[in-house]
C-alpha atoms as a PDB file:
ATOM      1  CA  UNK A   1       3.602   4.190   8.736  1.00  0.00           C
ATOM      2  CA  UNK A   2       2.106   1.646   7.575  1.00  0.00           C
ATOM      3  CA  UNK A   3       3.641  -0.024   4.298  1.00  0.00           C
ATOM      4  CA  UNK A   4       0.468   1.041   2.393  1.00  0.00           C
ATOM      5  CA  UNK A   5       0.635   4.411   3.632  1.00  0.00           C
ATOM      6  CA  UNK A   6       4.630   5.147   2.840  1.00  0.00           C
ATOM      7  CA  UNK A   7       3.105   2.936  -0.982  1.00  0.00           C
ATOM      8  CA  UNK A   8       0.370   5.119  -1.792  1.00  0.00           C
ATOM      9  CA  UNK A   9       2.786   7.884  -0.955  1.00  0.00           C
ATOM     10  CA  UNK A  10       5.704   6.796  -3.638  1.00  0.00           C
ATOM     11  CA  UNK A  11       3.053   6.489  -5.898  1.00  0.00           C
ATOM     12  CA  UNK A  12       1.906   9.621  -5.628  1.00  0.00           C
ATOM     13  CA  UNK A  13       4.873  11.175  -6.215  1.00  0.00           C
ATOM     14  CA  UNK A  14       6.320   8.413  -9.409  1.00  0.00           C
ATOM     15  CA  UNK A  15       3.773   9.732 -10.362  1.00  0.00           C
ATOM     16  CA  UNK A  16       4.413  13.801  -9.684  1.00  0.00           C
ATOM     17  CA  UNK A  17       7.327  13.515 -10.628  1.00  0.00           C
ATOM     18  CA  UNK A  18       6.394  11.707 -13.947  1.00  0.00           C
ATOM     19  CA  UNK A  19       3.564  14.758 -14.242  1.00  0.00           C
ATOM     20  CA  UNK A  20       7.484  16.728 -14.236  1.00  0.00           C
ATOM     21  CA  UNK A  21      10.164  15.748 -16.328  1.00  0.00           C
ATOM     22  CA  UNK A  22       7.636  15.234 -19.129  1.00  0.00           C
ATOM     23  CA  UNK A  23       6.745  18.514 -18.834  1.00  0.00           C
ATOM     24  CA  UNK A  24      10.176  19.857 -19.065  1.00  0.00           C
ATOM     25  CA  UNK A  25      10.609  18.011 -22.205  1.00  0.00           C
ATOM     26  CA  UNK A  26       7.232  19.374 -23.825  1.00  0.00           C
ATOM     27  CA  UNK A  27       8.723  22.912 -22.706  1.00  0.00           C
ATOM     28  CA  UNK A  28      12.078  22.146 -23.910  1.00  0.00           C
ATOM     29  CA  UNK A  29      10.716  22.114 -26.759  1.00  0.00           C
ATOM     30  CA  UNK A  30       8.642  24.943 -27.252  1.00  0.00           C
ATOM     31  CA  UNK A  31       5.017  21.921 -26.536  1.00  0.00           C
ATOM     32  CA  UNK A  32       3.838  23.635 -23.008  1.00  0.00           C
ATOM     33  CA  UNK A  33       3.017  27.049 -22.996  1.00  0.00           C
ATOM     34  CA  UNK A  34       1.371  29.294 -25.166  1.00  0.00           C
ATOM     35  CA  UNK A  35      -1.968  29.301 -27.693  1.00  0.00           C
ATOM     36  CA  UNK A  36      -1.904  26.119 -28.298  1.00  0.00           C
ATOM     37  CA  UNK A  37       0.088  23.511 -25.652  1.00  0.00           C
ATOM     38  CA  UNK A  38       0.590  20.200 -26.347  1.00  0.00           C
ATOM     39  CA  UNK A  39       2.075  19.122 -22.668  1.00  0.00           C
ATOM     40  CA  UNK A  40       2.449  14.587 -23.250  1.00  0.00           C
ATOM     41  CA  UNK A  41       2.513  15.170 -19.185  1.00  0.00           C
ATOM     42  CA  UNK A  42      -1.156  15.508 -19.257  1.00  0.00           C
ATOM     43  CA  UNK A  43      -1.709  12.198 -20.502  1.00  0.00           C
ATOM     44  CA  UNK A  44      -1.074  11.161 -17.001  1.00  0.00           C
ATOM     45  CA  UNK A  45      -4.534  12.596 -16.074  1.00  0.00           C
ATOM     46  CA  UNK A  46      -6.065   9.105 -16.309  1.00  0.00           C
ATOM     47  CA  UNK A  47      -4.269   7.416 -13.828  1.00  0.00           C
ATOM     48  CA  UNK A  48      -6.757   8.334 -11.996  1.00  0.00           C
ATOM     49  CA  UNK A  49      -8.676   5.939 -13.158  1.00  0.00           C
ATOM     50  CA  UNK A  50      -7.097   3.773 -11.344  1.00  0.00           C
ATOM     51  CA  UNK A  51      -4.631   4.598  -8.955  1.00  0.00           C
ATOM     52  CA  UNK A  52      -6.639   7.774  -7.227  1.00  0.00           C
ATOM     53  CA  UNK A  53      -3.209   8.212  -5.827  1.00  0.00           C
ATOM     54  CA  UNK A  54      -2.474  10.015  -8.598  1.00  0.00           C
ATOM     55  CA  UNK A  55      -5.488  12.535  -7.860  1.00  0.00           C
ATOM     56  CA  UNK A  56      -3.139  14.940  -5.550  1.00  0.00           C
ATOM     57  CA  UNK A  57       0.854  13.816  -7.431  1.00  0.00           C
ATOM     58  CA  UNK A  58      -1.119  15.169 -10.926  1.00  0.00           C
ATOM     59  CA  UNK A  59      -1.830  18.812  -9.040  1.00  0.00           C
ATOM     60  CA  UNK A  60       1.235  18.108  -6.771  1.00  0.00           C
ATOM     61  CA  UNK A  61       3.272  17.862 -10.191  1.00  0.00           C
ATOM     62  CA  UNK A  62       1.531  20.646 -12.262  1.00  0.00           C
ATOM     63  CA  UNK A  63       2.773  23.432 -10.202  1.00  0.00           C
ATOM     64  CA  UNK A  64       5.783  22.509  -9.750  1.00  0.00           C
ATOM     65  CA  UNK A  65       6.033  22.016 -13.373  1.00  0.00           C
ATOM     66  CA  UNK A  66       5.167  26.023 -13.616  1.00  0.00           C
ATOM     67  CA  UNK A  67       7.603  26.608 -11.200  1.00  0.00           C
ATOM     68  CA  UNK A  68      10.507  25.603 -13.082  1.00  0.00           C
ATOM     69  CA  UNK A  69       8.382  25.590 -16.116  1.00  0.00           C
ATOM     70  CA  UNK A  70       8.703  30.075 -15.518  1.00  0.00           C
ATOM     71  CA  UNK A  71       5.223  30.042 -15.965  1.00  0.00           C
ATOM     72  CA  UNK A  72       3.176  33.484 -14.728  1.00  0.00           C
ATOM     73  CA  UNK A  73       2.118  33.353 -10.022  1.00  0.00           C
ATOM     74  CA  UNK A  74      -1.844  33.073 -12.583  1.00  0.00           C
ATOM     75  CA  UNK A  75      -0.352  29.979 -13.950  1.00  0.00           C
ATOM     76  CA  UNK A  76       1.022  27.972 -11.040  1.00  0.00           C
ATOM     77  CA  UNK A  77      -2.535  28.518  -9.259  1.00  0.00           C
ATOM     78  CA  UNK A  78      -4.183  28.408 -11.421  1.00  0.00           C
ATOM     79  CA  UNK A  79      -3.176  26.510 -14.208  1.00  0.00           C
ATOM     80  CA  UNK A  80      -2.917  23.783 -11.353  1.00  0.00           C
ATOM     81  CA  UNK A  81      -5.933  23.670 -10.481  1.00  0.00           C
ATOM     82  CA  UNK A  82      -7.036  22.917 -14.091  1.00  0.00           C
ATOM     83  CA  UNK A  83      -5.657  19.958 -13.500  1.00  0.00           C
ATOM     84  CA  UNK A  84      -6.621  19.023 -10.004  1.00  0.00           C
ATOM     85  CA  UNK A  85     -10.796  19.523 -11.450  1.00  0.00           C
ATOM     86  CA  UNK A  86      -8.867  17.745 -14.215  1.00  0.00           C
ATOM     87  CA  UNK A  87      -8.072  14.346 -12.031  1.00  0.00           C
ATOM     88  CA  UNK A  88     -10.597  14.338 -10.041  1.00  0.00           C
ATOM     89  CA  UNK A  89     -12.934  14.125 -12.994  1.00  0.00           C
ATOM     90  CA  UNK A  90     -11.426  11.538 -13.875  1.00  0.00           C
ATOM     91  CA  UNK A  91     -11.820  10.068 -11.239  1.00  0.00           C
ATOM     92  CA  UNK A  92     -15.103   9.872 -10.836  1.00  0.00           C
ATOM     93  CA  UNK A  93     -15.623   9.106 -15.074  1.00  0.00           C
ATOM     94  CA  UNK A  94     -13.362   5.118 -14.021  1.00  0.00           C
ATOM     95  CA  UNK A  95     -16.133   3.109 -15.653  1.00  0.00           C
ATOM     96  CA  UNK A  96     -16.224   5.483 -18.917  1.00  0.00           C
ATOM     97  CA  UNK A  97     -14.010   5.014 -21.548  1.00  0.00           C
ATOM     98  CA  UNK A  98     -10.794   6.408 -21.810  1.00  0.00           C
ATOM     99  CA  UNK A  99     -12.032   9.092 -23.903  1.00  0.00           C
ATOM    100  CA  UNK A 100     -14.910  10.351 -21.419  1.00  0.00           C
ATOM    101  CA  UNK A 101     -11.991   9.920 -19.016  1.00  0.00           C
ATOM    102  CA  UNK A 102     -10.171  12.398 -21.022  1.00  0.00           C
ATOM    103  CA  UNK A 103     -12.888  15.443 -21.259  1.00  0.00           C
ATOM    104  CA  UNK A 104     -13.116  16.717 -17.502  1.00  0.00           C
ATOM    105  CA  UNK A 105      -9.033  17.665 -18.191  1.00  0.00           C
ATOM    106  CA  UNK A 106      -9.876  19.081 -21.779  1.00  0.00           C
ATOM    107  CA  UNK A 107     -12.537  20.943 -20.105  1.00  0.00           C
ATOM    108  CA  UNK A 108     -10.913  22.210 -17.096  1.00  0.00           C
ATOM    109  CA  UNK A 109      -7.548  22.645 -19.432  1.00  0.00           C
ATOM    110  CA  UNK A 110      -9.943  24.558 -22.190  1.00  0.00           C
ATOM    111  CA  UNK A 111     -11.794  26.693 -19.197  1.00  0.00           C
ATOM    112  CA  UNK A 112      -9.337  27.524 -17.320  1.00  0.00           C
ATOM    113  CA  UNK A 113      -5.649  28.192 -19.050  1.00  0.00           C
ATOM    114  CA  UNK A 114      -7.298  31.031 -21.438  1.00  0.00           C
ATOM    115  CA  UNK A 115      -7.895  33.229 -18.275  1.00  0.00           C
ATOM    116  CA  UNK A 116      -4.145  32.217 -17.515  1.00  0.00           C
ATOM    117  CA  UNK A 117      -2.901  33.420 -20.979  1.00  0.00           C
ATOM    118  CA  UNK A 118      -5.779  36.649 -20.806  1.00  0.00           C
ATOM    119  CA  UNK A 119      -4.184  37.411 -17.333  1.00  0.00           C
ATOM    120  CA  UNK A 120       0.022  36.843 -17.573  1.00  0.00           C
ATOM    121  CA  UNK A 121      -0.150  39.177 -20.955  1.00  0.00           C
ATOM    122  CA  UNK A 122      -0.185  42.430 -18.867  1.00  0.00           C
ATOM    123  CA  UNK A 123      -2.718  43.571 -21.796  1.00  0.00           C
ATOM    124  CA  UNK A 124      -1.573  41.773 -25.169  1.00  0.00           C
ATOM    125  CA  UNK A 125      -5.090  40.610 -25.436  1.00  0.00           C
ATOM    126  CA  UNK A 126      -7.793  40.993 -24.213  1.00  0.00           C
ATOM    127  CA  UNK A 127     -10.982  38.889 -22.755  1.00  0.00           C
ATOM    128  CA  UNK A 128     -12.316  38.556 -26.399  1.00  0.00           C
ATOM    129  CA  UNK A 129     -10.367  36.708 -27.350  1.00  0.00           C
ATOM    130  CA  UNK A 130     -11.465  34.084 -25.459  1.00  0.00           C
ATOM    131  CA  UNK A 131     -12.774  31.817 -27.497  1.00  0.00           C
ATOM    132  CA  UNK A 132     -10.172  31.570 -29.520  1.00  0.00           C
ATOM    133  CA  UNK A 133      -7.803  30.460 -26.814  1.00  0.00           C
ATOM    134  CA  UNK A 134     -10.363  27.866 -25.365  1.00  0.00           C
ATOM    135  CA  UNK A 135     -10.170  26.023 -29.088  1.00  0.00           C
ATOM    136  CA  UNK A 136      -6.435  25.876 -29.046  1.00  0.00           C
ATOM    137  CA  UNK A 137      -5.884  25.224 -25.848  1.00  0.00           C
ATOM    138  CA  UNK A 138      -9.252  22.875 -26.091  1.00  0.00           C
ATOM    139  CA  UNK A 139      -7.115  21.085 -29.682  1.00  0.00           C
ATOM    140  CA  UNK A 140      -3.106  20.347 -27.897  1.00  0.00           C
ATOM    141  CA  UNK A 141      -5.907  19.085 -24.094  1.00  0.00           C
ATOM    142  CA  UNK A 142      -7.715  16.831 -26.538  1.00  0.00           C
ATOM    143  CA  UNK A 143      -4.847  14.946 -28.515  1.00  0.00           C
ATOM    144  CA  UNK A 144      -1.949  14.566 -25.185  1.00  0.00           C
ATOM    145  CA  UNK A 145      -5.174  13.858 -22.123  1.00  0.00           C
ATOM    146  CA  UNK A 146      -8.012  12.147 -24.524  1.00  0.00           C
ATOM    147  CA  UNK A 147      -5.806  10.950 -27.457  1.00  0.00           C
ATOM    148  CA  UNK A 148      -2.468   9.778 -25.651  1.00  0.00           C
ATOM    149  CA  UNK A 149      -4.143   9.847 -22.771  1.00  0.00           C
ATOM    150  CA  UNK A 150      -5.685   6.830 -24.302  1.00  0.00           C
ATOM    151  CA  UNK A 151      -3.284   4.705 -24.843  1.00  0.00           C
ATOM    152  CA  UNK A 152      -1.767   5.783 -22.205  1.00  0.00           C
ATOM    153  CA  UNK A 153      -5.229   3.703 -20.203  1.00  0.00           C
ATOM    154  CA  UNK A 154      -4.690   1.095 -22.750  1.00  0.00           C
ATOM    155  CA  UNK A 155      -0.943   0.061 -22.333  1.00  0.00           C
ATOM    156  CA  UNK A 156      -1.699  -0.099 -18.768  1.00  0.00           C
ATOM    157  CA  UNK A 157      -5.303  -1.593 -19.119  1.00  0.00           C
ATOM    158  CA  UNK A 158      -3.579  -4.690 -21.664  1.00  0.00           C
ATOM    159  CA  UNK A 159      -0.613  -4.918 -20.113  1.00  0.00           C
ATOM    160  CA  UNK A 160      -1.792  -4.723 -16.083  1.00  0.00           C
ATOM    161  CA  UNK A 161       1.085  -2.462 -14.900  1.00  0.00           C
ATOM    162  CA  UNK A 162       0.248  -0.611 -11.970  1.00  0.00           C
ATOM    163  CA  UNK A 163      -1.208  -3.289 -10.007  1.00  0.00           C
ATOM    164  CA  UNK A 164       2.629  -5.218  -9.980  1.00  0.00           C
ATOM    165  CA  UNK A 165       4.062  -1.582  -8.203  1.00  0.00           C
END
């Protein structure tokens, strides 16, 4: 394996590990699941604007985090898919404003996670509650991916952290 391939794989692994650690921290404080979610790890979804290898890192990190925090099969599969869609969208919008870069993550989660909540509830919620969950999940995602993500983006951009790794 070439040095660049090892570096790329390592960076993706570090992103995955950070995503898991930050999700678990959010989980410990009761913020990582439910109607209103504030996963600190979602701020990392701006990383594809800098590192394409963070896309699989975010996806795998989300899969592992959802497994470790007791997510349902719907959360493990669909929640991770939402993160993957958001990461790909962030990469495609990498030259945009940081808040715009976060929009694919906000929208993907606001559309997919309410389905996860409804399907995982075992009949306790109906599809009539979709707009409510879309709104609450969207707010949490805007705060974590949008606001915290923009702060993360600016810190990376200002300090030129990633090129040094």
